[in-house]
Structure formats: structure tokens, C-alpha cells
Protein backbone atom coordinates (compact mmCIF):
# COMPACT_ATOMS: atom_id res chain seq x y z
CA MET A 1 121.80 3.55 -111.21
CA PRO A 2 123.48 6.80 -110.52
CA PRO A 3 125.28 8.36 -113.45
CA MET A 4 128.91 7.36 -114.07
CA PRO A 5 131.03 9.73 -116.16
CA ILE A 6 134.30 8.80 -117.68
CA TYR A 7 137.30 10.53 -116.41
CA GLU A 8 140.63 10.79 -118.09
CA TYR A 9 143.75 10.30 -116.21
CA ARG A 10 147.41 10.89 -116.78
CA SER A 11 150.84 10.31 -114.99
CA ILE A 12 152.09 13.24 -112.83
CA LYS A 13 155.71 12.28 -113.37
CA GLU A 14 157.62 11.13 -116.59
CA SER A 15 158.49 7.85 -114.91
CA GLY A 16 155.29 5.95 -115.22
CA CYS A 17 154.45 3.13 -117.27
CA GLU A 18 153.06 3.36 -121.01
CA HIS A 19 149.60 2.98 -119.79
CA CYS A 20 149.75 6.10 -117.37
CA LEU A 21 152.31 8.20 -119.52
CA ALA A 22 149.89 8.06 -122.75
CA GLY A 23 146.78 8.58 -120.50
CA PHE A 24 143.75 6.45 -119.91
CA ALA A 25 140.04 6.79 -119.21
CA ARG A 26 138.38 5.39 -116.17
CA LEU A 27 134.42 5.00 -115.57
CA GLU A 28 133.74 6.10 -112.05
CA LYS A 29 130.73 7.05 -109.94
CA LEU A 30 130.23 10.72 -108.97
CA SER A 31 130.41 9.78 -105.30
CA GLU A 32 134.04 8.06 -105.80
CA PRO A 33 137.09 10.14 -104.99
CA PRO A 34 139.61 10.51 -107.92
CA ALA A 35 141.93 7.98 -108.50
CA SER A 36 145.60 8.58 -107.36
CA THR A 37 147.67 5.82 -108.41
CA CYS A 38 147.94 4.10 -111.95
CA PRO A 39 146.17 0.70 -111.84
CA ARG A 40 149.14 -0.98 -113.87
CA CYS A 41 152.42 0.56 -112.18
CA GLY A 42 151.07 2.26 -109.03
CA GLY A 43 152.61 5.45 -110.24
CA PRO A 44 150.94 8.90 -109.16
CA ILE A 45 148.31 10.09 -111.59
CA GLN A 46 145.92 12.89 -111.84
CA ARG A 47 142.58 13.73 -113.62
CA VAL A 48 142.90 15.73 -116.87
CA ILE A 49 140.27 18.21 -118.06
CA SER A 50 139.16 17.32 -121.44
CA ALA A 51 136.86 18.61 -123.95
CA PRO A 52 133.10 17.42 -123.79
CA HIS A 53 131.57 15.45 -126.46
CA VAL A 54 128.71 17.63 -127.97
CA GLN A 55 126.48 16.93 -130.76
CA ARG A 56 125.53 19.99 -133.03
CA GLY A 57 122.58 20.21 -135.43
CA GLN A 58 120.98 17.04 -136.67
CA ALA A 59 124.15 15.01 -137.29
CA HIS A 60 123.62 12.75 -134.24
CA LEU A 61 120.25 11.55 -135.64
CA LEU A 62 120.09 8.18 -137.46
CA SER A 63 120.35 8.34 -141.15
CA PRO A 64 117.30 6.49 -142.90
CA LYS A 65 119.58 3.77 -143.97
CA LYS A 66 121.02 3.00 -140.52
CA ALA A 67 117.52 3.44 -139.10
CA ALA A 68 116.25 0.68 -141.27
CA GLU A 69 119.16 -1.50 -140.57
CA ALA A 70 118.52 -1.24 -136.82
CA GLY A 71 114.80 -2.26 -137.44
CA PHE A 72 113.25 1.33 -136.87
CA THR A 73 110.69 3.20 -139.02
CA GLN A 74 111.64 6.85 -139.71
CA TYR A 75 109.20 9.39 -140.79
CA LYS A 76 109.70 13.07 -141.99
CA LYS A 77 107.16 15.81 -141.74
CA ILE A 78 105.87 16.81 -145.05
CA GLY A 79 102.86 19.18 -143.86
CA GLN A 80 100.56 19.88 -140.97
CA GLY A 81 100.14 16.70 -139.18
CA VAL A 82 101.28 14.69 -142.19
CA TYR A 83 104.37 12.53 -142.16
CA GLU A 84 106.28 10.54 -145.03
CA LYS A 85 108.26 7.27 -144.31
CA THR A 86 111.82 7.79 -145.15
CA ALA A 87 113.14 4.26 -143.70
CA GLY A 88 111.71 1.08 -142.47
CA ARG A 89 108.43 -0.81 -142.55
CA GLY A 90 105.10 0.74 -142.21
CA PRO A 91 102.57 2.91 -144.07
CA ARG A 92 104.02 5.23 -146.55
CA ILE A 93 102.32 8.42 -145.23
CA ILE A 94 100.57 8.77 -141.83
CA GLY A 95 98.45 11.84 -141.02
CA ASP A 96 95.78 13.09 -138.61
CA GLU A 97 92.82 11.64 -140.71
């Protein structure tokens, strides 16, 4: 399946409905032409440039608690080829033995 980004749209005129005046998001194929009318009122709309969602550092990684709740086992490196379990089921330490 080809990637489908989420585009944001907003009314061009100040006479649109609440939906397009506030702005809305729409999932579209890359190959689709941009929408030109509001799906609710039929008024003219345009794509809005918005900031991308960027993950920095390790904030996007699962916390040990969340990993365990999701059924995953999480390990942390404690030495050369040695890892200690921080969440989930499995051996407490794994290594290259």
C-alpha cells in the first residue's frame, strides 16, 4: 500500500461552515490531487502548511511499564554484549555466553 500522508485544510473564505473554518485533517494518497471543496458545505478550501511531527532523543521509546503492559520484554545494555531485563518476561540477564 502506498504511503498516505495526512493533509490539513482550511476554508479560503470566512463564510464556510464550522468544519472548514476551524480546519480539518484529511488522509490522502500522494497521487491524489488536493481537495478543493469542503466535504460538509462545499465551500472552497486550501491545504495549510503545518509543522511536522518529529521525535527527538529517546522520548519516543516505550517506558518499561508500557512495554510490559503491551506484552514486550525490554532489555538495557549493561556491558559488552550483556543486557539486563528492564520489563516483561524472560531471563534477567542475557549475554554472549
